[in-house]
N, C-alpha and C. Protein backbone atom coordinates (compact mmCIF):
# COMPACT_ATOMS: atom_id res chain seq x y z
N UNK A 1 183.82 -1.01 39.01
CA UNK A 1 182.53 -0.38 39.30
C UNK A 1 181.58 -1.23 39.51
N UNK A 2 180.94 -1.45 40.79
CA UNK A 2 179.75 -2.02 41.02
C UNK A 2 178.53 -1.33 40.88
N UNK A 3 177.58 -2.00 39.97
CA UNK A 3 176.40 -1.11 39.92
C UNK A 3 175.33 -1.67 41.01
N UNK A 4 174.38 -0.74 41.32
CA UNK A 4 173.35 -1.05 42.20
C UNK A 4 172.46 -2.04 41.63
N UNK A 5 171.73 -2.85 42.60
CA UNK A 5 170.83 -3.85 42.03
C UNK A 5 169.92 -3.33 41.09
N UNK A 6 169.02 -2.40 41.43
CA UNK A 6 167.89 -1.94 40.50
C UNK A 6 168.31 -1.51 39.16
N UNK A 7 169.61 -1.13 39.08
CA UNK A 7 170.02 -0.46 37.69
C UNK A 7 171.19 -1.41 37.25
N UNK A 8 171.08 -2.23 36.26
CA UNK A 8 171.87 -3.12 35.80
C UNK A 8 173.06 -2.46 34.80
N UNK A 9 172.67 -1.18 34.45
CA UNK A 9 173.36 -0.64 33.54
C UNK A 9 174.40 0.57 34.38
N UNK A 10 175.65 0.65 34.10
CA UNK A 10 176.52 1.75 34.70
C UNK A 10 176.57 2.74 33.86
N UNK A 11 176.74 4.03 34.16
CA UNK A 11 176.69 5.16 33.42
C UNK A 11 175.40 5.86 33.49
N UNK A 12 175.26 6.85 32.37
CA UNK A 12 173.92 7.61 32.24
C UNK A 12 172.96 6.71 31.76
N UNK A 13 171.83 6.84 32.38
CA UNK A 13 170.33 6.05 32.15
C UNK A 13 169.44 6.96 31.64
N UNK A 14 168.73 6.50 30.50
CA UNK A 14 167.75 7.52 30.13
C UNK A 14 166.48 6.65 29.94
N UNK A 15 165.16 6.98 29.85
CA UNK A 15 164.02 6.41 29.55
C UNK A 15 163.61 6.67 28.22
N UNK A 16 163.18 5.67 27.37
CA UNK A 16 162.75 5.68 25.97
C UNK A 16 161.25 6.33 26.26
N UNK A 17 160.86 7.23 25.43
CA UNK A 17 159.69 7.80 25.39
C UNK A 17 158.67 7.07 24.69
N UNK A 18 159.23 6.00 23.93
CA UNK A 18 158.11 5.03 23.24
C UNK A 18 157.78 4.00 23.94
N UNK A 19 158.82 3.12 24.65
CA UNK A 19 158.19 2.00 25.39
C UNK A 19 158.43 2.22 26.89
N UNK A 20 158.89 3.41 27.27
CA UNK A 20 159.19 3.59 28.77
C UNK A 20 160.33 2.86 29.42
N UNK A 21 160.97 2.01 28.69
CA UNK A 21 162.14 1.50 29.26
C UNK A 21 163.24 2.02 29.69
N UNK A 22 163.98 1.80 30.76
CA UNK A 22 165.11 2.44 31.06
C UNK A 22 166.38 1.80 30.22
N UNK A 23 167.12 2.41 29.69
CA UNK A 23 168.45 1.91 28.99
C UNK A 23 169.66 2.90 29.25
N UNK A 24 170.68 2.27 28.87
CA UNK A 24 171.86 3.19 28.77
C UNK A 24 171.65 4.22 27.89
N UNK A 25 172.49 5.50 28.00
CA UNK A 25 172.13 6.46 26.98
C UNK A 25 172.72 6.18 25.76
N UNK A 26 173.83 5.41 25.76
CA UNK A 26 174.46 5.09 24.47
C UNK A 26 173.56 4.23 23.53
N UNK A 27 172.59 3.56 24.15
CA UNK A 27 171.74 2.68 23.29
C UNK A 27 170.43 3.52 22.84
N UNK A 28 170.20 4.68 23.16
CA UNK A 28 169.16 5.38 22.98
C UNK A 28 169.50 6.63 21.91
N UNK A 29 168.71 7.10 21.06
CA UNK A 29 168.78 8.10 19.95
C UNK A 29 168.00 9.38 20.75
N UNK A 30 168.90 10.43 20.73
CA UNK A 30 168.40 11.57 21.07
C UNK A 30 167.77 12.35 20.02
N UNK A 31 166.51 12.88 20.36
CA UNK A 31 165.71 13.67 19.46
C UNK A 31 165.52 15.10 19.86
N UNK A 32 165.35 16.13 19.19
CA UNK A 32 165.06 17.37 19.66
C UNK A 32 163.96 18.13 18.71
N UNK A 33 163.30 19.06 19.16
CA UNK A 33 162.28 19.77 18.55
C UNK A 33 163.04 20.89 17.77
N UNK A 34 162.66 20.86 16.53
CA UNK A 34 163.22 21.89 15.61
C UNK A 34 162.25 22.25 14.50
N UNK A 35 161.78 23.66 14.50
CA UNK A 35 161.06 24.11 13.38
C UNK A 35 159.59 23.08 13.33
N UNK A 36 159.12 22.85 14.49
CA UNK A 36 157.81 22.18 14.32
C UNK A 36 158.17 20.71 14.03
N UNK A 37 159.24 20.12 14.07
CA UNK A 37 159.69 19.00 13.79
C UNK A 37 160.48 18.03 14.76
N UNK A 38 160.30 16.74 14.90
CA UNK A 38 161.20 15.96 15.73
C UNK A 38 162.18 15.66 14.86
N UNK A 39 163.60 16.05 15.16
CA UNK A 39 164.70 15.82 14.43
C UNK A 39 165.54 14.80 15.22
N UNK A 40 166.13 13.81 14.65
CA UNK A 40 167.26 13.15 15.39
C UNK A 40 168.48 13.84 15.54
N UNK A 41 169.05 13.70 16.73
CA UNK A 41 170.49 14.40 17.08
C UNK A 41 171.34 13.20 17.54
N UNK A 42 171.86 12.58 16.65
CA UNK A 42 172.74 11.28 16.88
C UNK A 42 174.02 11.55 17.65
N UNK A 43 174.55 13.07 17.51
CA UNK A 43 175.64 13.40 18.23
C UNK A 43 175.39 13.71 19.58
N UNK A 44 174.15 13.99 20.15
CA UNK A 44 173.75 14.52 21.12
C UNK A 44 174.26 15.97 21.49
N UNK A 45 174.30 16.89 20.53
CA UNK A 45 175.06 18.25 20.70
C UNK A 45 174.14 19.25 20.26
N UNK A 46 172.70 18.86 19.63
CA UNK A 46 171.97 20.01 19.45
C UNK A 46 171.49 20.83 20.70
N UNK A 47 171.22 22.07 20.64
CA UNK A 47 170.80 22.88 21.70
C UNK A 47 169.38 22.56 22.07
N UNK A 48 168.90 22.94 23.51
CA UNK A 48 167.58 22.78 23.71
C UNK A 48 167.34 21.26 24.45
N UNK A 49 166.07 21.18 24.85
CA UNK A 49 165.51 20.16 25.36
C UNK A 49 165.66 18.98 24.55
N UNK A 50 165.84 17.88 24.93
CA UNK A 50 166.05 16.55 24.13
C UNK A 50 165.25 15.37 24.87
N UNK A 51 164.73 14.38 24.09
CA UNK A 51 164.41 13.42 24.52
C UNK A 51 164.91 12.14 23.82
N UNK A 52 164.71 10.96 24.54
CA UNK A 52 165.42 9.62 23.83
C UNK A 52 164.40 8.56 23.59
N UNK A 53 164.93 7.98 22.54
CA UNK A 53 164.10 6.89 22.06
C UNK A 53 164.93 5.79 21.70
N UNK A 54 164.56 4.57 21.68
CA UNK A 54 165.02 3.29 21.12
C UNK A 54 165.06 3.56 19.62
N UNK A 55 166.40 3.46 18.63
CA UNK A 55 166.20 3.65 17.34
C UNK A 55 165.51 2.54 16.53
N UNK A 56 164.23 2.20 16.91
CA UNK A 56 163.62 1.25 16.26
C UNK A 56 162.31 1.84 15.81
N UNK A 57 161.86 1.20 14.64
CA UNK A 57 160.28 1.84 14.34
C UNK A 57 159.23 1.59 15.33
N UNK A 58 159.56 0.40 16.13
CA UNK A 58 158.23 0.17 16.96
C UNK A 58 158.24 1.24 18.20
N UNK A 59 159.30 1.66 18.69
CA UNK A 59 159.49 2.66 19.65
C UNK A 59 159.10 3.86 19.16
N UNK A 60 159.43 4.36 18.16
CA UNK A 60 159.25 5.69 17.37
C UNK A 60 157.63 5.79 17.20
N UNK A 61 157.07 4.61 16.64
CA UNK A 61 155.62 4.71 16.32
C UNK A 61 154.83 4.70 17.45
N UNK A 62 155.36 4.09 18.58
CA UNK A 62 154.66 4.08 19.91
C UNK A 62 154.65 5.36 20.44
N UNK A 63 155.80 6.11 20.36
CA UNK A 63 155.91 7.54 20.86
C UNK A 63 154.90 8.43 20.27
N UNK A 64 155.01 8.25 18.90
CA UNK A 64 154.01 9.13 18.01
C UNK A 64 152.53 8.83 18.34
N UNK A 65 152.35 7.63 18.62
CA UNK A 65 150.83 7.28 18.79
C UNK A 65 150.55 7.66 20.20
N UNK A 66 151.41 7.58 21.26
CA UNK A 66 151.12 8.23 22.50
C UNK A 66 151.17 9.61 22.61
N UNK A 67 151.56 10.43 21.58
CA UNK A 67 151.97 11.74 21.55
C UNK A 67 152.96 12.14 22.69
N UNK A 68 154.10 11.25 22.73
CA UNK A 68 155.01 11.48 23.83
C UNK A 68 156.20 12.66 23.41
N UNK A 69 156.27 12.82 22.29
CA UNK A 69 157.40 13.73 21.87
C UNK A 69 156.95 15.14 22.13
N UNK A 70 155.79 15.69 21.99
CA UNK A 70 155.59 16.99 22.44
C UNK A 70 155.39 17.24 24.02
N UNK A 71 155.05 16.20 24.51
CA UNK A 71 155.11 16.17 26.22
C UNK A 71 156.49 16.31 26.72
N UNK A 72 157.44 15.32 26.11
CA UNK A 72 158.68 15.09 26.68
C UNK A 72 159.50 16.41 26.20
N UNK A 73 159.29 17.02 25.05
CA UNK A 73 160.06 18.07 24.70
C UNK A 73 159.40 19.55 24.90
N UNK A 74 158.43 19.35 25.75
CA UNK A 74 157.60 20.48 26.48
C UNK A 74 157.39 21.69 25.19
N UNK A 75 156.69 21.27 24.30
CA UNK A 75 156.10 22.10 23.15
C UNK A 75 154.53 22.07 23.16
N UNK A 76 153.95 23.14 22.88
CA UNK A 76 152.50 23.24 22.89
C UNK A 76 151.85 22.73 21.80
N UNK A 77 152.54 22.85 20.53
CA UNK A 77 151.74 22.27 19.41
C UNK A 77 152.35 20.88 19.08
N UNK A 78 151.69 20.33 18.23
CA UNK A 78 151.99 18.99 17.83
C UNK A 78 153.35 19.09 16.88
N UNK A 79 153.95 17.76 16.75
CA UNK A 79 155.44 17.83 16.08
C UNK A 79 155.17 16.73 14.95
N UNK A 80 155.73 17.15 13.96
CA UNK A 80 155.87 16.25 12.81
C UNK A 80 157.10 15.22 13.02
N UNK A 81 156.92 14.14 12.81
CA UNK A 81 158.10 12.87 13.27
C UNK A 81 158.29 12.49 11.80
N UNK A 82 158.18 12.91 10.68
CA UNK A 82 158.51 12.34 9.40
C UNK A 82 160.02 12.15 9.29
N UNK A 83 160.87 13.27 9.74
CA UNK A 83 162.27 13.21 9.57
C UNK A 83 162.95 12.04 10.44
N UNK A 84 162.34 11.83 11.72
CA UNK A 84 162.89 10.85 12.44
C UNK A 84 162.44 9.46 12.08
N UNK A 85 161.24 9.28 11.64
CA UNK A 85 160.84 8.10 10.98
C UNK A 85 161.80 7.75 9.68
N UNK A 86 161.99 8.61 8.99
CA UNK A 86 162.88 8.38 7.83
C UNK A 86 164.31 8.16 8.26
N UNK A 87 164.88 8.77 9.26
CA UNK A 87 165.97 8.49 9.86
C UNK A 87 166.16 6.98 10.42
N UNK A 88 165.33 6.51 11.23
CA UNK A 88 165.19 5.31 11.79
C UNK A 88 165.15 4.21 10.77
N UNK A 89 164.16 4.44 9.71
CA UNK A 89 164.11 3.54 8.66
C UNK A 89 165.16 3.18 7.92
N UNK A 90 166.23 4.30 7.71
CA UNK A 90 167.49 4.27 7.06
C UNK A 90 168.45 3.68 7.68
N UNK A 91 168.57 3.46 9.01
CA UNK A 91 169.54 2.78 9.73
C UNK A 91 169.70 1.27 9.42
N UNK A 92 170.78 0.80 9.49
CA UNK A 92 170.82 -0.68 9.36
C UNK A 92 170.29 -1.32 10.47
N UNK A 93 169.68 -2.76 10.08
CA UNK A 93 168.96 -3.32 11.10
C UNK A 93 169.97 -3.81 12.37
N UNK A 94 171.08 -3.89 12.05
CA UNK A 94 172.16 -4.22 13.28
C UNK A 94 172.02 -3.08 14.35
N UNK A 95 171.88 -1.83 13.92
CA UNK A 95 171.95 -0.74 14.69
C UNK A 95 170.47 -0.48 15.43
N UNK A 96 169.69 -0.71 14.68
CA UNK A 96 168.27 -0.57 15.42
C UNK A 96 167.67 -1.77 16.02
N UNK A 97 168.65 -2.64 16.49
CA UNK A 97 168.24 -3.90 17.30
C UNK A 97 167.35 -4.88 16.43
């Protein structure tokens, strides 16, 4: 399969809410809003609207700083990202680039 020039990645492409870069869906971590928190969904099977972020502390903190999670997940109130931060910090450094 030949990829079109503007998209060097074949397959599903998503935008990271932290750095706003486009990447293959497999490279990003899906997150969902659950009980006022941003929780990771590594299996990508949780119900509801999801957003994607690189599994790095830099992208997660950028998304929190920009208040991108409530906007991307379309919730009115702010969301606590502590569970997501703990999940990303617990990842081996090889997985989180």
